[in-house]
Structure formats: structure tokens, C-alpha cells
C-alpha atoms as a PDB file:
ATOM      1  CA  MET A   1      99.877 115.605  36.526  1.00  0.00           C
ATOM      2  CA  ARG A   2      99.643 112.335  38.363  1.00  0.00           C
ATOM      3  CA  ARG A   3     103.153 111.274  39.200  1.00  0.00           C
ATOM      4  CA  ILE A   4     104.938 113.501  41.706  1.00  0.00           C
ATOM      5  CA  ILE A   5     108.572 113.310  43.019  1.00  0.00           C
ATOM      6  CA  VAL A   6     108.831 114.603  46.529  1.00  0.00           C
ATOM      7  CA  THR A   7     112.575 115.094  47.355  1.00  0.00           C
ATOM      8  CA  GLY A   8     113.524 115.048  51.148  1.00  0.00           C
ATOM      9  CA  GLY A   9     110.116 113.008  51.586  1.00  0.00           C
ATOM     10  CA  SER A  10     111.736 111.452  54.688  1.00  0.00           C
ATOM     11  CA  GLY A  11     111.771 114.718  56.639  1.00  0.00           C
ATOM     12  CA  LYS A  12     108.800 116.310  58.447  1.00  0.00           C
ATOM     13  CA  ALA A  13     107.796 118.691  55.595  1.00  0.00           C
ATOM     14  CA  GLY A  14     108.349 115.947  52.900  1.00  0.00           C
ATOM     15  CA  THR A  15     106.294 113.237  55.029  1.00  0.00           C
ATOM     16  CA  ALA A  16     103.461 115.836  55.416  1.00  0.00           C
ATOM     17  CA  THR A  17     103.456 116.506  51.713  1.00  0.00           C
ATOM     18  CA  LEU A  18     103.579 112.652  50.783  1.00  0.00           C
ATOM     19  CA  GLU A  19     100.485 112.392  52.974  1.00  0.00           C
ATOM     20  CA  VAL A  20      98.565 115.269  51.451  1.00  0.00           C
ATOM     21  CA  LEU A  21      99.331 114.423  47.885  1.00  0.00           C
ATOM     22  CA  ALA A  22      98.663 110.693  48.240  1.00  0.00           C
ATOM     23  CA  GLU A  23      95.263 111.615  49.832  1.00  0.00           C
ATOM     24  CA  ALA A  24      94.425 113.917  46.912  1.00  0.00           C
ATOM     25  CA  GLY A  25      95.055 110.968  44.443  1.00  0.00           C
ATOM     26  CA  TYR A  26      98.660 111.648  43.173  1.00  0.00           C
ATOM     27  CA  ASP A  27     101.092 108.725  42.645  1.00  0.00           C
ATOM     28  CA  VAL A  28     103.862 109.858  44.863  1.00  0.00           C
ATOM     29  CA  LEU A  29     107.596 108.856  45.124  1.00  0.00           C
ATOM     30  CA  ASN A  30     109.828 109.947  48.009  1.00  0.00           C
ATOM     31  CA  VAL A  31     113.468 110.509  46.932  1.00  0.00           C
ATOM     32  CA  ASP A  32     115.921 110.958  49.943  1.00  0.00           C
ATOM     33  CA  ILE A  33     119.295 110.282  50.833  1.00  0.00           C
ATOM     34  CA  VAL A  34     117.911 109.053  54.267  1.00  0.00           C
ATOM     35  CA  ALA A  35     115.572 105.915  54.458  1.00  0.00           C
ATOM     36  CA  PRO A  36     112.126 106.672  55.679  1.00  0.00           C
ATOM     37  CA  ARG A  37     110.897 106.075  59.138  1.00  0.00           C
ATOM     38  CA  GLY A  38     107.299 106.288  60.567  1.00  0.00           C
ATOM     39  CA  PRO A  39     104.458 107.622  58.348  1.00  0.00           C
ATOM     40  CA  ALA A  40     106.892 108.504  55.382  1.00  0.00           C
ATOM     41  CA  ALA A  41     107.786 104.485  55.144  1.00  0.00           C
ATOM     42  CA  ALA A  42     104.215 103.997  53.716  1.00  0.00           C
ATOM     43  CA  TYR A  43     105.227 105.416  50.564  1.00  0.00           C
ATOM     44  CA  PRO A  44     107.562 104.294  47.705  1.00  0.00           C
ATOM     45  CA  CYS A  45     111.130 105.399  48.074  1.00  0.00           C
ATOM     46  CA  LYS A  46     114.235 105.684  46.099  1.00  0.00           C
ATOM     47  CA  LEU A  47     117.464 106.581  47.949  1.00  0.00           C
ATOM     48  CA  ALA A  48     119.724 109.092  45.984  1.00  0.00           C
ATOM     49  CA  ASP A  49     122.253 111.612  46.658  1.00  0.00           C
ATOM     50  CA  LEU A  50     120.970 114.632  44.718  1.00  0.00           C
ATOM     51  CA  THR A  51     124.139 116.444  44.712  1.00  0.00           C
ATOM     52  CA  ASP A  52     125.084 113.925  42.089  1.00  0.00           C
ATOM     53  CA  LEU A  53     123.540 114.887  38.826  1.00  0.00           C
ATOM     54  CA  GLY A  54     123.432 111.363  37.455  1.00  0.00           C
ATOM     55  CA  GLU A  55     121.468 110.208  40.325  1.00  0.00           C
ATOM     56  CA  ALA A  56     119.133 113.161  40.116  1.00  0.00           C
ATOM     57  CA  HIS A  57     118.385 112.373  36.485  1.00  0.00           C
ATOM     58  CA  ALA A  58     117.846 108.546  37.459  1.00  0.00           C
ATOM     59  CA  VAL A  59     115.059 109.348  39.933  1.00  0.00           C
ATOM     60  CA  MET A  60     113.293 111.909  37.692  1.00  0.00           C
ATOM     61  CA  ASP A  61     112.319 109.610  34.868  1.00  0.00           C
ATOM     62  CA  GLY A  62     108.627 109.385  34.452  1.00  0.00           C
ATOM     63  CA  ALA A  63     107.766 112.232  36.718  1.00  0.00           C
ATOM     64  CA  ASP A  64     105.080 114.626  35.893  1.00  0.00           C
ATOM     65  CA  ALA A  65     106.123 117.260  38.280  1.00  0.00           C
ATOM     66  CA  VAL A  66     108.736 117.561  41.282  1.00  0.00           C
ATOM     67  CA  VAL A  67     108.363 118.947  44.814  1.00  0.00           C
ATOM     68  CA  HIS A  68     111.951 119.516  45.954  1.00  0.00           C
ATOM     69  CA  LEU A  69     112.142 119.540  49.676  1.00  0.00           C
ATOM     70  CA  GLY A  70     115.488 118.035  50.027  1.00  0.00           C
ATOM     71  CA  ALA A  71     118.151 120.241  51.778  1.00  0.00           C
ATOM     72  CA  ILE A  72     120.209 120.753  54.689  1.00  0.00           C
ATOM     73  CA  PRO A  73     117.803 122.883  56.779  1.00  0.00           C
ATOM     74  CA  ASN A  74     120.123 124.989  59.001  1.00  0.00           C
ATOM     75  CA  GLU A  75     123.629 125.350  60.017  1.00  0.00           C
ATOM     76  CA  MET A  76     123.376 123.831  63.404  1.00  0.00           C
ATOM     77  CA  ARG A  77     125.153 120.541  62.714  1.00  0.00           C
ATOM     78  CA  HIS A  78     127.101 121.454  59.499  1.00  0.00           C
ATOM     79  CA  THR A  79     129.651 124.155  58.274  1.00  0.00           C
ATOM     80  CA  GLY A  80     128.570 127.020  56.121  1.00  0.00           C
ATOM     81  CA  PRO A  81     130.337 125.790  53.046  1.00  0.00           C
ATOM     82  CA  LYS A  82     128.730 122.353  53.277  1.00  0.00           C
ATOM     83  CA  VAL A  83     125.274 123.830  53.800  1.00  0.00           C
ATOM     84  CA  PHE A  84     125.879 126.154  50.717  1.00  0.00           C
ATOM     85  CA  HIS A  85     127.250 123.424  48.675  1.00  0.00           C
ATOM     86  CA  ASN A  86     124.849 120.722  49.325  1.00  0.00           C
ATOM     87  CA  ASN A  87     121.708 122.958  48.696  1.00  0.00           C
ATOM     88  CA  THR A  88     122.805 124.877  45.490  1.00  0.00           C
ATOM     89  CA  ALA A  89     124.234 121.520  43.893  1.00  0.00           C
ATOM     90  CA  SER A  90     121.154 119.619  44.815  1.00  0.00           C
ATOM     91  CA  THR A  91     118.667 122.215  43.745  1.00  0.00           C
ATOM     92  CA  TYR A  92     120.624 122.831  40.442  1.00  0.00           C
ATOM     93  CA  ASN A  93     120.479 119.031  39.785  1.00  0.00           C
ATOM     94  CA  VAL A  94     116.771 118.624  40.441  1.00  0.00           C
ATOM     95  CA  PHE A  95     116.057 121.759  38.341  1.00  0.00           C
ATOM     96  CA  ALA A  96     118.190 120.298  35.358  1.00  0.00           C
ATOM     97  CA  ALA A  97     116.974 116.662  35.845  1.00  0.00           C
ATOM     98  CA  ALA A  98     113.280 118.011  35.692  1.00  0.00           C
ATOM     99  CA  GLN A  99     113.849 120.109  32.486  1.00  0.00           C
ATOM    100  CA  GLN A 100     115.470 117.066  30.955  1.00  0.00           C
ATOM    101  CA  ALA A 101     112.530 114.737  32.029  1.00  0.00           C
ATOM    102  CA  GLY A 102     109.889 117.190  30.628  1.00  0.00           C
ATOM    103  CA  VAL A 103     108.146 117.902  33.827  1.00  0.00           C
ATOM    104  CA  GLN A 104     105.150 120.249  33.850  1.00  0.00           C
ATOM    105  CA  ARG A 105     105.748 121.844  37.175  1.00  0.00           C
ATOM    106  CA  VAL A 106     108.536 122.493  39.728  1.00  0.00           C
ATOM    107  CA  VAL A 107     107.657 123.219  43.333  1.00  0.00           C
ATOM    108  CA  TRP A 108     110.581 123.886  45.736  1.00  0.00           C
ATOM    109  CA  ALA A 109     111.192 124.735  49.212  1.00  0.00           C
ATOM    110  CA  SER A 110     112.703 128.287  49.583  1.00  0.00           C
ATOM    111  CA  SER A 111     112.962 129.906  52.945  1.00  0.00           C
ATOM    112  CA  GLU A 112     111.628 132.687  55.158  1.00  0.00           C
ATOM    113  CA  THR A 113     115.298 133.501  55.676  1.00  0.00           C
ATOM    114  CA  VAL A 114     115.465 135.060  52.565  1.00  0.00           C
ATOM    115  CA  LEU A 115     113.112 137.892  53.678  1.00  0.00           C
ATOM    116  CA  GLY A 116     116.181 139.279  55.970  1.00  0.00           C
ATOM    117  CA  LEU A 117     116.376 136.779  58.938  1.00  0.00           C
ATOM    118  CA  SER A 118     117.669 136.917  61.648  1.00  0.00           C
ATOM    119  CA  PHE A 119     115.496 139.907  62.659  1.00  0.00           C
ATOM    120  CA  TRP A 120     116.707 140.261  66.082  1.00  0.00           C
ATOM    121  CA  GLU A 121     120.048 141.273  64.571  1.00  0.00           C
ATOM    122  CA  ASN A 122     118.724 143.085  61.625  1.00  0.00           C
ATOM    123  CA  PRO A 123     115.562 144.679  62.117  1.00  0.00           C
ATOM    124  CA  PRO A 124     113.221 144.541  59.197  1.00  0.00           C
ATOM    125  CA  ARG A 125     112.462 147.642  57.196  1.00  0.00           C
ATOM    126  CA  TYR A 126     108.709 147.431  57.833  1.00  0.00           C
ATOM    127  CA  ALA A 127     106.183 144.817  58.924  1.00  0.00           C
ATOM    128  CA  PRO A 128     104.426 142.776  58.137  1.00  0.00           C
ATOM    129  CA  VAL A 129     107.333 141.690  56.020  1.00  0.00           C
ATOM    130  CA  ASP A 130     106.043 140.902  52.514  1.00  0.00           C
ATOM    131  CA  ASP A 131     107.666 138.957  49.690  1.00  0.00           C
ATOM    132  CA  ASP A 132     109.097 142.575  48.247  1.00  0.00           C
ATOM    133  CA  HIS A 133     111.346 142.681  51.372  1.00  0.00           C
ATOM    134  CA  ALA A 134     113.683 139.953  50.001  1.00  0.00           C
ATOM    135  CA  PRO A 135     116.455 139.188  49.313  1.00  0.00           C
ATOM    136  CA  TYR A 136     118.402 139.865  52.359  1.00  0.00           C
ATOM    137  CA  PRO A 137     120.455 136.765  53.144  1.00  0.00           C
ATOM    138  CA  TYR A 138     122.569 136.584  56.362  1.00  0.00           C
ATOM    139  CA  SER A 139     123.797 133.109  56.353  1.00  0.00           C
ATOM    140  CA  SER A 140     125.057 130.538  54.076  1.00  0.00           C
ATOM    141  CA  TYR A 141     121.496 128.770  54.098  1.00  0.00           C
ATOM    142  CA  SER A 142     119.702 131.696  53.373  1.00  0.00           C
ATOM    143  CA  LEU A 143     122.075 132.657  50.670  1.00  0.00           C
ATOM    144  CA  SER A 144     121.723 129.032  48.931  1.00  0.00           C
ATOM    145  CA  LYS A 145     117.899 129.774  48.814  1.00  0.00           C
ATOM    146  CA  VAL A 146     118.442 133.268  47.133  1.00  0.00           C
ATOM    147  CA  VAL A 147     120.789 131.546  44.640  1.00  0.00           C
ATOM    148  CA  GLY A 148     117.952 128.770  44.144  1.00  0.00           C
ATOM    149  CA  GLU A 149     115.496 131.553  43.435  1.00  0.00           C
ATOM    150  CA  SER A 150     117.850 133.138  40.848  1.00  0.00           C
ATOM    151  CA  MET A 151     118.434 129.632  39.322  1.00  0.00           C
ATOM    152  CA  ALA A 152     114.649 129.042  39.296  1.00  0.00           C
ATOM    153  CA  ALA A 153     114.082 132.061  37.082  1.00  0.00           C
ATOM    154  CA  GLN A 154     116.802 131.034  34.465  1.00  0.00           C
ATOM    155  CA  PHE A 155     115.216 127.583  34.210  1.00  0.00           C
ATOM    156  CA  VAL A 156     111.904 129.111  33.739  1.00  0.00           C
ATOM    157  CA  ARG A 157     113.585 131.167  30.859  1.00  0.00           C
ATOM    158  CA  TRP A 158     115.143 128.041  29.329  1.00  0.00           C
ATOM    159  CA  SER A 159     112.359 125.581  29.686  1.00  0.00           C
ATOM    160  CA  GLY A 160     109.160 127.784  30.008  1.00  0.00           C
ATOM    161  CA  VAL A 161     107.866 125.606  32.971  1.00  0.00           C
ATOM    162  CA  ALA A 162     106.543 127.420  36.110  1.00  0.00           C
ATOM    163  CA  HIS A 163     108.695 127.049  39.195  1.00  0.00           C
ATOM    164  CA  VAL A 164     107.159 128.018  42.444  1.00  0.00           C
ATOM    165  CA  GLY A 165     109.396 128.794  45.384  1.00  0.00           C
ATOM    166  CA  LEU A 166     107.554 128.292  48.915  1.00  0.00           C
ATOM    167  CA  ARG A 167     109.351 130.582  51.443  1.00  0.00           C
ATOM    168  CA  PHE A 168     108.386 128.357  54.398  1.00  0.00           C
ATOM    169  CA  SER A 169     108.306 129.598  57.954  1.00  0.00           C
ATOM    170  CA  ASN A 170     109.592 127.851  60.772  1.00  0.00           C
ATOM    171  CA  ILE A 171     107.865 124.444  60.224  1.00  0.00           C
ATOM    172  CA  LEU A 172     106.350 122.769  63.188  1.00  0.00           C
ATOM    173  CA  LEU A 173     104.562 119.389  63.995  1.00  0.00           C
ATOM    174  CA  PRO A 174     101.553 119.170  66.025  1.00  0.00           C
ATOM    175  CA  SER A 175     103.639 117.593  68.799  1.00  0.00           C
ATOM    176  CA  ASP A 176     105.957 120.708  68.753  1.00  0.00           C
ATOM    177  CA  TYR A 177     102.963 122.747  70.094  1.00  0.00           C
ATOM    178  CA  ALA A 178     103.526 121.649  73.643  1.00  0.00           C
ATOM    179  CA  LEU A 179     106.697 124.004  73.572  1.00  0.00           C
ATOM    180  CA  VAL A 180     104.770 126.988  72.531  1.00  0.00           C
ATOM    181  CA  PRO A 181     103.943 128.363  75.947  1.00  0.00           C
ATOM    182  CA  SER A 182     107.772 128.475  76.795  1.00  0.00           C
ATOM    183  CA  PHE A 183     108.204 131.354  74.182  1.00  0.00           C
ATOM    184  CA  TRP A 184     105.922 133.695  76.058  1.00  0.00           C
ATOM    185  CA  ASP A 185     108.024 134.996  78.807  1.00  0.00           C
ATOM    186  CA  ASP A 186     110.571 136.325  76.698  1.00  0.00           C
ATOM    187  CA  THR A 187     109.288 138.244  73.754  1.00  0.00           C
ATOM    188  CA  LYS A 188     112.647 138.246  72.028  1.00  0.00           C
ATOM    189  CA  LYS A 189     113.198 134.731  72.190  1.00  0.00           C
ATOM    190  CA  ARG A 190     111.287 134.236  68.809  1.00  0.00           C
ATOM    191  CA  SER A 191     111.458 137.653  67.416  1.00  0.00           C
ATOM    192  CA  TRP A 192     114.131 136.372  64.919  1.00  0.00           C
ATOM    193  CA  ASN A 193     111.449 135.433  62.512  1.00  0.00           C
ATOM    194  CA  LEU A 194     108.725 137.942  63.721  1.00  0.00           C
ATOM    195  CA  TRP A 195     107.164 135.093  65.795  1.00  0.00           C
ATOM    196  CA  GLY A 196     106.172 133.263  62.688  1.00  0.00           C
ATOM    197  CA  TYR A 197     105.663 129.483  62.067  1.00  0.00           C
ATOM    198  CA  ILE A 198     103.791 127.070  59.827  1.00  0.00           C
ATOM    199  CA  ASP A 199     102.219 123.619  60.477  1.00  0.00           C
ATOM    200  CA  ALA A 200     103.578 120.936  58.664  1.00  0.00           C
ATOM    201  CA  ARG A 201     100.144 119.741  57.509  1.00  0.00           C
ATOM    202  CA  ASP A 202      99.877 123.127  55.923  1.00  0.00           C
ATOM    203  CA  VAL A 203     103.330 122.732  54.158  1.00  0.00           C
ATOM    204  CA  GLY A 204     101.839 119.916  52.470  1.00  0.00           C
ATOM    205  CA  ARG A 205      98.675 121.671  51.551  1.00  0.00           C
ATOM    206  CA  SER A 206     100.798 124.530  50.182  1.00  0.00           C
ATOM    207  CA  CYS A 207     102.799 122.229  48.092  1.00  0.00           C
ATOM    208  CA  ARG A 208      99.526 120.855  46.579  1.00  0.00           C
ATOM    209  CA  ALA A 209      98.255 124.200  45.949  1.00  0.00           C
ATOM    210  CA  ALA A 210     101.367 125.262  44.231  1.00  0.00           C
ATOM    211  CA  LEU A 211     101.151 122.119  41.817  1.00  0.00           C
ATOM    212  CA  GLU A 212      97.583 123.031  40.968  1.00  0.00           C
ATOM    213  CA  ALA A 213      97.642 126.633  40.804  1.00  0.00           C
ATOM    214  CA  GLU A 214      97.492 128.489  37.397  1.00  0.00           C
ATOM    215  CA  VAL A 215     100.885 130.260  37.476  1.00  0.00           C
ATOM    216  CA  SER A 216     103.583 130.766  35.159  1.00  0.00           C
ATOM    217  CA  GLY A 217     107.278 132.001  35.344  1.00  0.00           C
ATOM    218  CA  ALA A 218     109.315 131.967  38.538  1.00  0.00           C
ATOM    219  CA  VAL A 219     107.142 132.659  41.612  1.00  0.00           C
ATOM    220  CA  ASN A 220     108.253 133.003  45.271  1.00  0.00           C
ATOM    221  CA  VAL A 221     105.659 133.339  48.007  1.00  0.00           C
ATOM    222  CA  THR A 222     105.821 133.388  51.825  1.00  0.00           C
ATOM    223  CA  ILE A 223     104.102 130.429  53.538  1.00  0.00           C
ATOM    224  CA  ALA A 224     103.286 131.014  57.115  1.00  0.00           C
ATOM    225  CA  ALA A 225     100.358 130.461  59.622  1.00  0.00           C
ATOM    226  CA  ALA A 226      97.949 133.231  59.738  1.00  0.00           C
ATOM    227  CA  ASP A 227      98.735 134.085  63.292  1.00  0.00           C
ATOM    228  CA  THR A 228     101.977 134.494  65.424  1.00  0.00           C
ATOM    229  CA  ILE A 229     103.365 131.814  67.931  1.00  0.00           C
ATOM    230  CA  MET A 230     102.575 134.372  70.758  1.00  0.00           C
ATOM    231  CA  ASN A 231      99.719 134.731  73.038  1.00  0.00           C
ATOM    232  CA  ARG A 232     100.079 138.691  72.841  1.00  0.00           C
ATOM    233  CA  PRO A 233      98.607 141.023  70.149  1.00  0.00           C
ATOM    234  CA  SER A 234     100.937 141.610  67.097  1.00  0.00           C
ATOM    235  CA  ALA A 235     100.796 145.079  67.431  1.00  0.00           C
ATOM    236  CA  ALA A 236     101.969 144.936  71.076  1.00  0.00           C
ATOM    237  CA  LEU A 237     104.961 142.643  70.194  1.00  0.00           C
ATOM    238  CA  MET A 238     106.185 145.193  67.414  1.00  0.00           C
ATOM    239  CA  ALA A 239     105.697 148.110  69.663  1.00  0.00           C
ATOM    240  CA  GLU A 240     108.016 146.348  72.567  1.00  0.00           C
ATOM    241  CA  VAL A 241     110.619 144.629  70.467  1.00  0.00           C
ATOM    242  CA  PHE A 242     110.832 146.684  67.272  1.00  0.00           C
ATOM    243  CA  PRO A 243     109.548 150.233  68.167  1.00  0.00           C
ATOM    244  CA  THR A 244     111.271 151.842  65.406  1.00  0.00           C
ATOM    245  CA  VAL A 245     110.033 149.727  62.748  1.00  0.00           C
ATOM    246  CA  GLU A 246     107.067 150.877  60.387  1.00  0.00           C
ATOM    247  CA  VAL A 247     104.081 148.917  60.825  1.00  0.00           C
ATOM    248  CA  ARG A 248     102.000 148.942  57.865  1.00  0.00           C
ATOM    249  CA  GLY A 249      98.226 148.957  58.020  1.00  0.00           C
ATOM    250  CA  GLU A 250      95.971 147.732  60.833  1.00  0.00           C
ATOM    251  CA  LEU A 251      97.043 144.580  62.228  1.00  0.00           C
ATOM    252  CA  ALA A 252      94.293 141.943  63.418  1.00  0.00           C
ATOM    253  CA  GLU A 253      94.849 140.863  67.092  1.00  0.00           C
ATOM    254  CA  TYR A 254      97.294 137.796  66.543  1.00  0.00           C
ATOM    255  CA  GLU A 255      97.923 138.504  62.798  1.00  0.00           C
ATOM    256  CA  THR A 256     100.969 137.134  61.261  1.00  0.00           C
ATOM    257  CA  LEU A 257     103.856 139.417  60.626  1.00  0.00           C
ATOM    258  CA  LEU A 258     105.160 137.751  57.748  1.00  0.00           C
ATOM    259  CA  ALA A 259     102.576 138.640  55.054  1.00  0.00           C
ATOM    260  CA  ILE A 260     100.992 135.770  53.253  1.00  0.00           C
ATOM    261  CA  ASP A 261      98.598 137.885  50.845  1.00  0.00           C
ATOM    262  CA  LYS A 262     100.734 136.654  47.777  1.00  0.00           C
ATOM    263  CA  ALA A 263     100.130 133.056  48.654  1.00  0.00           C
ATOM    264  CA  ARG A 264      96.306 133.585  48.838  1.00  0.00           C
ATOM    265  CA  ASP A 265      96.099 135.744  45.790  1.00  0.00           C
ATOM    266  CA  VAL A 266      98.620 133.692  43.742  1.00  0.00           C
ATOM    267  CA  LEU A 267      98.157 129.975  44.964  1.00  0.00           C
ATOM    268  CA  GLY A 268      94.729 130.278  46.569  1.00  0.00           C
ATOM    269  CA  PHE A 269      96.206 128.925  49.610  1.00  0.00           C
ATOM    270  CA  GLU A 270      94.968 129.614  53.112  1.00  0.00           C
ATOM    271  CA  PRO A 271      96.528 128.196  56.186  1.00  0.00           C
ATOM    272  CA  ARG A 272      94.326 125.846  58.234  1.00  0.00           C
ATOM    273  CA  TYR A 273      96.186 124.758  61.256  1.00  0.00           C
ATOM    274  CA  ARG A 274      96.909 127.012  64.297  1.00  0.00           C
ATOM    275  CA  TRP A 275      98.643 126.146  67.609  1.00  0.00           C
ATOM    276  CA  ARG A 276      95.700 127.855  69.314  1.00  0.00           C
ATOM    277  CA  ASP A 277      93.451 125.093  68.347  1.00  0.00           C
ATOM    278  CA  GLU A 278      95.930 122.438  69.680  1.00  0.00           C
ATOM    279  CA  ILE A 279      96.735 123.755  73.143  1.00  0.00           C
ATOM    280  CA  PRO A 280      93.354 124.050  75.159  1.00  0.00           C
ATOM    281  CA  ASP A 281      94.871 126.206  78.022  1.00  0.00           C
ATOM    282  CA  ARG A 282      96.446 129.139  76.188  1.00  0.00           C
END
């Protein structure tokens, strides 16, 4: 696989993925409805509305694999129906166009929200929350990702091509880490996703791992940093905010509460970047 389509390459996750794949020697093409700016502008781009099946087919020609990151990321600026329609339609169209084009691998952005977020309204059944905890969607966005995972399983059945869904945690740029200390005074402020996050650079690395791993079928794995966003031990956070939730196993001091064992075992992916290495006074 040499030619990789990256949808949503103009966004922060997409830009990081273009950078990682290009550095690894892949021939990348950004496909987005928004023209690239900043670092993303360094890579070839085709503008397309992926909710249009014809446009999805047009950009997929000649691709060996696709990394589908294009989506409306939340419901803060759009209504629930628009988010659901955009995300499910574009995902279907990308999967269908990829099948028609004969791609060898589909990697796509699912979401941590399928695990049951928001946890501050609906506490997890246990922690660390693993990939068996899903699906428990509580928004039109998370429901669109659950539908995407179901669609992926059917496209695998039809085509035999592996589809890897990456359940990304809250994606942060290095520049976002300056905000991290503002979360520490109120342990509930970031409890909605069990204080999880993932560095955008690791998003790109996980996409590469998903492209190159020896996998088959429809695989869904959580992608999160190995630690939490907090400066307090993970066990203490659970005891304070979720005292009735079962904690399975012994937790390392700042261990993530979004289990990433499956990403390690199936994809060989190990997160590299931590906010603790970016903020000297923590």
C-alpha cells in the first residue's frame, strides 16, 4: 500500500496523520470539504463533499487504502440530525467507494463516545473501561459512530477487506497542554471521559499502525494516552468521583482509565506523547 487517501486531512487529526504517513514514505492525498491551512497545506488536496456518493467515488480512484477522519466532531455547532446525517452518510459513501475502488485497508475514526460517554451523567459499569464496554451511545454523534461500526462489519462481510475503527479519546495538540492545569482544581470537570486524552501526533501514529497491522475483519480499538489528564493518581480519582464503580485490577499511579490493551495487542500501538513531558511545572 503506497497511495493513501486521508479524509478530513485539513483538521487537527487529519493534519497529524498526513504528516506521519508522508514521513513514513506514503503517497498521501487529503480529501476535505475545507481547504487546508497551515501544515496541512503542504500536502496534495482535493475538495469534496463526502455526503455525495459520486464525489466519494471520484476521489477514491487509484487509492490503495483510506484513512477516513472526515466528520462533524460534536454537536456544539450543529443540530443532532445534521451531525448524524453527515457522519453516517459520509462514512457509508467512503466505505462504498473504497470497496468499489478495491482498496486493501480501511481505517476510520470511531470515537470514545461509543463506550458510554458522558460518564458524568451515566457512570461506567467498571473501570478501566475497555472495548467490551461498548456500545452505549448517548448523543447523535456517538450514535453515528455506533452505526459506522455496524456498517464496517457489513462491508467486511461483503468485501473481505479489513476495516479498523479507532475509538479516539479527546484529541489534543501540543499547544492545548497549556490548559491542562486548569482541569486540576475540579476533579469532575474532565470526568465525562474518565480524564482521557490522546495527542494528535499519536493519532497519526495509530492510523499508521492500523494500516500496517496484520488484522482481518472489523476491528474496533480505543486509542488514548497511557496516562490521564490529571495530576492526581487514577485510583484516587475513581474513589472520589465514582466511588461505587468497580475498579478492575491494580492501577498504576496515573494510568489511563480508558483501557488501551487491545490497541497494544492487536495493532502493536503504544502511545508516545504525554502532557507531562510538555509542561515543565506540573
